[in-house]
Amino acid sequence: MRIKKFRGKSIVEALDKVKKEFGENAVILSSEKVKTEEGHIFEITAAIDQEEVIFKKEPDIEEETKNDEVSFDYFKQELAEIKEMLKKALSPQLKNWNYLKLLEKGIPAFIAKDIIEKQLELEEYISLKLKEKGSIPNSKYQVFIGEGGVGKTTNIFKLAIWYKYKYKTDVLVLSLDTYKIGGIFQTKRLAELLEIDFEILDIEDFKEIGVPFNKYDYVLIDTPGLNKKFGISDLEDLIIKLPFLRFYWVVKATEHYEYILRLWRKIEKLPVEGILLTFTDKISNSLPILWLLDDRFPPLIFISIGERLPEDIMRAEEDVLLNLFLRGIE
């Protein structure tokens, strides 16, 4: 058996090197992301059966005895190494090429590993995870949080129209974003055009109100984009003063999952009930957003499918999400 490590800037590049040198009969023993002085690279350890024919002279009895002793120690060591390699080769994520194929398609590593461990086809896996997550009721006080540019304000108004005209309810859009220069006038004008009740409050004034706006069925609260001026500590203080609030995380579908994970670690202690996914019209392959199925994240509540007001928003029901997640799969 011949064993060798192959490295590449991507998992695909490393895999190509394996195929070129070892061919299709290679066995993947392990794969990992390695940090080097030049940055992170991918390393694959592969093996292939290789028969070697060695010609040597006929040994005398003394030499043969010595060789037998050496051979026994050698094969004993070889056997131990083979056992260790087999143990690695039979681990869930490295049973076959399927794990690497999932990575190659853009599926996040932790989701790809879970799919292999559960031994499910992709569509079966997605359906299972959607059922496990279930759905959540609509809270009265919904605070929308996220970074600037993710589409919070636009989609809050889409939701306001959705609640008002689909369910015939009284809705208020409340903005705490007093940082946006020139944005207040535009937001007021938008509310007038859509005939949605709208108020602007400084966040400190909002904290002192107590249980506000009792005449409304839903109060949708817009916040500034998370930055140095408005951060996690402001949200933590807000929930201490007004514990009845529930947070909804607005996320762009075009963001890389590693970046999303870093954001989530900052807000995961907040009462985040659901996710509103925006810019879904900007992606042709939805496999990279399968991070949303991970157990760490709350369920999707709505998805934004375009920029038109008010129609480009959909409730995140199972059939809608299944179509979204399978988009672009050949």
Protein backbone atom coordinates (compact mmCIF):
# COMPACT_ATOMS: atom_id res chain seq x y z
CA MET A 1 0.00 0.00 0.00
CA ARG A 2 1.34 3.41 -0.95
CA ILE A 3 0.31 6.43 1.16
CA LYS A 4 0.86 10.08 0.29
CA LYS A 5 -0.36 13.54 1.29
CA PHE A 6 -1.63 15.99 -1.33
CA ARG A 7 -2.11 19.72 -0.79
CA GLY A 8 -4.02 22.40 -2.64
CA LYS A 9 -5.45 25.88 -2.20
CA SER A 10 -8.93 24.33 -2.38
CA ILE A 11 -10.37 20.90 -1.67
CA VAL A 12 -11.00 20.51 -5.40
CA GLU A 13 -7.35 21.24 -6.29
CA ALA A 14 -6.09 18.71 -3.73
CA LEU A 15 -8.57 16.13 -4.97
CA ASP A 16 -7.44 16.63 -8.57
CA LYS A 17 -3.85 15.89 -7.52
CA VAL A 18 -4.99 12.65 -5.89
CA LYS A 19 -6.82 11.58 -9.04
CA LYS A 20 -3.88 12.47 -11.34
CA GLU A 21 -1.30 10.47 -9.36
CA PHE A 22 -3.33 7.62 -7.83
CA GLY A 23 -6.28 7.40 -10.25
CA GLU A 24 -9.87 6.44 -9.44
CA ASN A 25 -8.89 3.51 -7.19
CA ALA A 26 -7.38 5.79 -4.53
CA VAL A 27 -8.74 5.60 -0.98
CA ILE A 28 -9.14 8.84 0.96
CA LEU A 29 -7.83 8.35 4.50
CA SER A 30 -8.27 11.87 5.88
CA SER A 31 -8.80 15.50 4.88
CA GLU A 32 -8.23 18.66 6.83
CA LYS A 33 -7.64 22.38 6.54
CA VAL A 34 -4.04 23.21 7.46
CA LYS A 35 -2.66 26.60 8.51
CA THR A 36 0.69 27.45 6.93
CA GLU A 37 2.85 30.55 6.66
CA GLU A 38 1.23 31.25 3.30
CA GLY A 39 -2.31 30.89 4.69
CA HIS A 40 -4.82 28.03 4.94
CA ILE A 41 -4.54 25.11 2.52
CA PHE A 42 -6.39 21.80 2.19
CA GLU A 43 -4.53 18.53 2.80
CA ILE A 44 -5.77 15.10 1.76
CA THR A 45 -4.10 11.85 2.81
CA ALA A 46 -4.73 9.13 0.20
CA ALA A 47 -3.62 5.55 -0.31
CA ILE A 48 -3.51 3.02 -3.15
CA ASP A 49 -2.71 -0.69 -3.31
CA GLN A 50 0.65 -1.24 -5.02
CA GLU A 51 2.33 -4.52 -5.72
CA GLU A 52 6.11 -4.51 -5.63
CA VAL A 53 8.30 -7.32 -6.99
CA ILE A 54 11.74 -7.43 -5.36
CA PHE A 55 14.50 -9.66 -6.70
CA LYS A 56 17.30 -10.57 -4.34
CA LYS A 57 19.94 -13.22 -3.98
CA GLU A 58 19.29 -16.42 -2.11
CA PRO A 59 20.27 -15.77 1.54
CA ASP A 60 22.18 -18.21 3.69
CA ILE A 61 20.51 -19.70 6.80
CA GLU A 62 21.95 -17.12 9.18
CA GLU A 63 20.95 -14.21 6.96
CA GLU A 64 17.47 -15.74 6.48
CA THR A 65 16.96 -15.96 10.26
CA LYS A 66 17.91 -12.30 10.68
CA ASN A 67 15.66 -11.31 7.80
CA ASP A 68 12.75 -13.24 9.30
CA GLU A 69 13.16 -11.35 12.57
CA VAL A 70 13.31 -8.02 10.73
CA SER A 71 10.36 -8.97 8.53
CA PHE A 72 8.27 -9.93 11.55
CA ASP A 73 8.91 -6.56 13.25
CA TYR A 74 8.34 -4.77 9.96
CA PHE A 75 5.00 -6.45 9.27
CA LYS A 76 3.93 -5.97 12.86
CA GLN A 77 4.48 -2.22 12.47
CA GLU A 78 2.79 -2.24 9.06
CA LEU A 79 -0.25 -4.01 10.52
CA ALA A 80 -0.59 -1.42 13.28
CA GLU A 81 -0.40 1.40 10.73
CA ILE A 82 -2.99 -0.25 8.49
CA LYS A 83 -5.38 -0.64 11.45
CA GLU A 84 -5.02 3.05 12.24
CA MET A 85 -5.62 4.01 8.61
CA LEU A 86 -8.69 1.80 8.41
CA LYS A 87 -10.08 3.43 11.56
CA LYS A 88 -9.75 6.84 9.91
CA ALA A 89 -11.05 5.60 6.59
CA LEU A 90 -14.21 4.28 8.20
CA SER A 91 -15.03 7.52 10.04
CA PRO A 92 -18.42 8.96 8.93
CA GLN A 93 -17.17 11.85 6.84
CA LEU A 94 -14.51 9.82 5.00
CA LYS A 95 -16.30 6.62 4.06
CA ASN A 96 -16.23 7.51 0.39
CA TRP A 97 -15.97 10.32 -2.09
CA ASN A 98 -19.47 11.62 -1.31
CA TYR A 99 -18.29 13.94 1.44
CA LEU A 100 -15.78 15.60 -0.88
CA LYS A 101 -18.38 15.83 -3.63
CA LEU A 102 -20.74 17.68 -1.27
CA LEU A 103 -17.98 20.11 -0.37
CA GLU A 104 -17.20 20.60 -4.05
CA LYS A 105 -20.82 21.62 -4.66
CA GLY A 106 -20.53 24.34 -2.03
CA ILE A 107 -22.32 22.69 0.89
CA PRO A 108 -20.89 23.86 4.25
CA ALA A 109 -18.57 21.27 5.82
CA PHE A 110 -20.65 20.73 8.99
CA ILE A 111 -23.79 20.13 6.90
CA ALA A 112 -21.97 17.78 4.52
CA LYS A 113 -20.72 15.74 7.47
CA ASP A 114 -24.24 15.50 8.92
CA ILE A 115 -25.65 14.34 5.56
CA ILE A 116 -23.03 11.56 5.35
CA GLU A 117 -23.60 10.48 8.95
CA LYS A 118 -27.38 10.28 8.47
CA GLN A 119 -26.91 8.43 5.14
CA LEU A 120 -29.66 10.42 3.43
CA GLU A 121 -30.15 11.80 -0.05
CA LEU A 122 -29.98 15.59 -0.18
CA GLU A 123 -33.72 16.17 -0.64
CA GLU A 124 -34.55 13.71 2.16
CA TYR A 125 -32.07 15.46 4.45
CA ILE A 126 -33.50 18.93 3.74
CA SER A 127 -37.08 17.74 4.36
CA LEU A 128 -36.05 16.09 7.64
CA LYS A 129 -34.27 19.20 8.95
CA LEU A 130 -37.17 21.49 7.97
CA LYS A 131 -39.60 19.28 9.88
CA GLU A 132 -37.29 19.25 12.91
CA LYS A 133 -37.10 23.06 12.95
CA GLY A 134 -40.85 23.49 12.57
CA SER A 135 -42.41 26.96 12.61
CA ILE A 136 -42.96 29.70 15.18
CA PRO A 137 -45.94 31.93 15.95
CA ASN A 138 -45.75 35.62 15.10
CA SER A 139 -44.82 37.67 18.17
CA LYS A 140 -46.45 41.06 18.65
CA TYR A 141 -43.21 42.99 19.22
CA GLN A 142 -40.72 42.01 16.52
CA VAL A 143 -37.29 43.65 16.62
CA PHE A 144 -35.36 43.26 13.38
CA ILE A 145 -31.58 43.21 13.79
CA GLY A 146 -28.65 42.81 11.41
CA GLU A 147 -25.85 44.61 9.70
CA GLY A 148 -26.35 47.65 7.50
CA GLY A 149 -27.34 46.91 3.92
CA VAL A 150 -29.09 43.59 4.55
CA GLY A 151 -32.51 45.03 3.69
CA LYS A 152 -34.09 45.44 7.13
CA THR A 153 -36.18 48.56 6.45
CA THR A 154 -37.50 47.50 3.04
CA ASN A 155 -38.52 44.05 4.25
CA ILE A 156 -40.11 45.38 7.43
CA PHE A 157 -42.50 47.37 5.24
CA LYS A 158 -43.13 44.29 3.10
CA LEU A 159 -44.08 42.41 6.28
CA ALA A 160 -46.22 45.29 7.52
CA ILE A 161 -48.28 45.18 4.33
CA TRP A 162 -48.40 41.37 4.55
CA TYR A 163 -49.82 41.50 8.10
CA LYS A 164 -52.18 44.39 7.37
CA TYR A 165 -53.83 43.16 4.19
CA LYS A 166 -53.49 39.38 4.41
CA TYR A 167 -54.61 39.12 8.04
CA LYS A 168 -56.53 42.41 8.36
CA THR A 169 -54.54 43.44 11.43
CA ASP A 170 -53.40 46.79 12.80
CA VAL A 171 -49.65 47.24 12.25
CA LEU A 172 -47.13 49.85 13.33
CA VAL A 173 -43.62 50.24 11.96
CA LEU A 174 -41.41 51.79 14.63
CA SER A 175 -37.94 53.01 13.70
CA LEU A 176 -35.16 53.31 16.27
CA ASP A 177 -32.70 54.20 13.51
CA THR A 178 -31.97 57.86 14.20
CA TYR A 179 -28.42 57.45 12.85
CA LYS A 180 -29.39 57.30 9.19
CA ILE A 181 -28.84 60.81 7.81
CA GLY A 182 -31.60 61.76 5.37
CA GLY A 183 -33.18 58.35 5.75
CA ILE A 184 -35.95 59.43 8.10
CA PHE A 185 -37.70 61.56 5.48
CA GLN A 186 -37.52 58.75 2.91
CA THR A 187 -38.88 56.20 5.38
CA LYS A 188 -41.75 58.50 6.37
CA ARG A 189 -42.61 59.03 2.72
CA LEU A 190 -42.58 55.27 2.09
CA ALA A 191 -44.93 54.70 5.05
CA GLU A 192 -47.35 57.33 3.69
CA LEU A 193 -47.37 55.79 0.21
CA LEU A 194 -48.04 52.32 1.63
CA GLU A 195 -50.57 53.64 4.20
CA ILE A 196 -48.69 52.05 7.10
CA ASP A 197 -48.63 53.69 10.55
CA PHE A 198 -45.10 54.83 11.30
CA GLU A 199 -43.26 56.29 14.30
CA ILE A 200 -39.66 57.26 15.03
CA LEU A 201 -38.20 57.04 18.52
CA ASP A 202 -34.77 57.40 20.04
CA ILE A 203 -33.77 54.06 21.57
CA GLU A 204 -33.46 55.59 25.07
CA ASP A 205 -37.00 57.00 24.83
CA PHE A 206 -38.27 53.63 23.65
CA LYS A 207 -36.81 51.92 26.73
CA GLU A 208 -38.84 54.21 29.01
CA ILE A 209 -42.21 53.56 27.36
CA GLY A 210 -42.91 50.24 29.08
CA VAL A 211 -45.60 48.25 27.21
CA PRO A 212 -46.20 50.50 24.21
CA PHE A 213 -48.74 50.79 21.43
CA ASN A 214 -51.47 48.55 22.80
CA LYS A 215 -53.89 49.36 19.97
CA TYR A 216 -51.71 47.51 17.45
CA ASP A 217 -51.69 43.78 16.76
CA TYR A 218 -48.10 43.92 15.51
CA VAL A 219 -45.27 46.35 16.18
CA LEU A 220 -42.37 45.89 13.75
CA ILE A 221 -39.25 47.59 15.10
CA ASP A 222 -36.44 48.70 12.80
CA THR A 223 -32.99 49.09 14.36
CA PRO A 224 -29.75 50.67 13.12
CA GLY A 225 -27.27 48.40 11.40
CA LEU A 226 -24.94 46.73 13.87
CA ASN A 227 -21.73 48.76 14.00
CA LYS A 228 -19.56 50.72 16.43
CA LYS A 229 -22.33 53.23 17.19
CA PHE A 230 -25.03 50.60 17.71
CA GLY A 231 -23.80 47.25 18.99
CA ILE A 232 -24.73 44.05 20.81
CA SER A 233 -24.58 45.80 24.20
CA ASP A 234 -27.39 48.16 23.08
CA LEU A 235 -29.55 45.17 22.18
CA GLU A 236 -28.76 43.43 25.48
CA ASP A 237 -29.73 46.57 27.38
CA LEU A 238 -32.93 46.81 25.35
CA ILE A 239 -34.04 43.29 26.24
CA ILE A 240 -33.29 43.87 29.93
CA LYS A 241 -35.59 46.91 29.95
CA LEU A 242 -38.26 45.37 27.66
CA PRO A 243 -38.10 41.56 28.06
CA PHE A 244 -41.29 40.99 26.02
CA LEU A 245 -39.43 41.89 22.80
CA ARG A 246 -38.49 39.14 20.35
CA PHE A 247 -35.66 39.48 17.85
CA TYR A 248 -35.63 38.55 14.18
CA TRP A 249 -32.26 38.28 12.47
CA VAL A 250 -32.08 39.68 8.93
CA VAL A 251 -29.42 37.93 6.84
CA LYS A 252 -28.33 38.19 3.20
CA ALA A 253 -28.40 34.91 1.28
CA THR A 254 -25.22 35.97 -0.52
CA GLU A 255 -23.05 36.00 2.63
CA HIS A 256 -20.52 33.18 3.18
CA TYR A 257 -21.47 30.81 5.99
CA GLU A 258 -18.17 31.32 7.88
CA TYR A 259 -18.92 35.04 8.10
CA ILE A 260 -22.48 34.27 9.25
CA LEU A 261 -21.15 31.99 12.00
CA ARG A 262 -18.98 34.79 13.35
CA LEU A 263 -22.02 37.10 13.47
CA TRP A 264 -24.15 34.44 15.16
CA ARG A 265 -21.65 33.97 17.98
CA LYS A 266 -22.16 37.65 18.83
CA ILE A 267 -25.97 37.53 19.01
CA GLU A 268 -26.79 33.92 19.96
CA LYS A 269 -27.54 34.85 23.60
CA LEU A 270 -30.27 37.26 22.50
CA PRO A 271 -33.89 36.01 22.19
CA VAL A 272 -33.66 35.48 18.43
CA GLU A 273 -36.84 33.65 17.35
CA GLY A 274 -36.38 33.52 13.62
CA ILE A 275 -34.45 34.51 10.53
CA LEU A 276 -35.56 36.69 7.62
CA LEU A 277 -33.47 35.78 4.58
CA THR A 278 -32.98 38.51 1.98
CA PHE A 279 -31.46 38.71 -1.51
CA THR A 280 -32.53 35.16 -2.39
CA ASP A 281 -33.06 36.37 -5.95
CA LYS A 282 -29.30 37.01 -6.20
CA ILE A 283 -28.23 33.37 -5.85
CA SER A 284 -28.41 30.68 -8.52
CA ASN A 285 -27.07 27.82 -6.38
CA SER A 286 -28.67 27.51 -2.95
CA LEU A 287 -26.47 24.73 -1.54
CA PRO A 288 -24.12 27.16 0.28
CA ILE A 289 -27.09 28.47 2.35
CA LEU A 290 -27.81 25.03 3.78
CA TRP A 291 -26.09 26.38 6.92
CA LEU A 292 -29.62 27.56 7.81
CA LEU A 293 -30.56 23.92 8.54
CA ASP A 294 -28.01 23.60 11.35
CA ASP A 295 -29.49 23.07 14.82
CA ARG A 296 -27.71 26.13 16.18
CA PHE A 297 -29.89 28.53 14.20
CA PRO A 298 -33.56 29.46 14.68
CA PRO A 299 -35.98 28.62 11.86
CA LEU A 300 -36.58 30.80 8.83
CA ILE A 301 -39.77 32.87 9.09
CA PHE A 302 -39.77 34.80 5.80
CA ILE A 303 -37.70 35.00 2.64
CA SER A 304 -37.35 38.03 0.42
CA ILE A 305 -37.46 37.08 -3.27
CA GLY A 306 -36.87 40.49 -4.87
CA GLU A 307 -36.92 44.24 -4.43
CA ARG A 308 -40.53 45.00 -5.31
CA LEU A 309 -42.82 46.37 -2.62
CA PRO A 310 -44.95 44.81 -1.29
CA GLU A 311 -45.18 41.51 -3.15
CA ASP A 312 -41.62 40.15 -3.04
CA ILE A 313 -41.80 38.36 0.30
CA MET A 314 -42.95 34.85 1.18
CA ARG A 315 -43.70 32.98 4.36
CA ALA A 316 -40.99 30.34 4.88
CA GLU A 317 -43.22 27.28 4.59
CA GLU A 318 -41.74 23.84 4.00
CA ASP A 319 -42.53 23.61 0.26
CA VAL A 320 -41.20 27.14 -0.34
CA LEU A 321 -37.94 26.37 1.47
CA LEU A 322 -37.51 23.00 -0.24
CA ASN A 323 -37.71 24.72 -3.63
CA LEU A 324 -35.27 27.38 -2.45
CA PHE A 325 -32.68 24.93 -1.10
CA LEU A 326 -32.80 22.73 -4.20
CA ARG A 327 -32.37 25.65 -6.61
CA GLY A 328 -29.61 25.15 -9.14
CA ILE A 329 -29.03 21.46 -8.41
CA GLU A 330 -28.35 19.46 -11.57
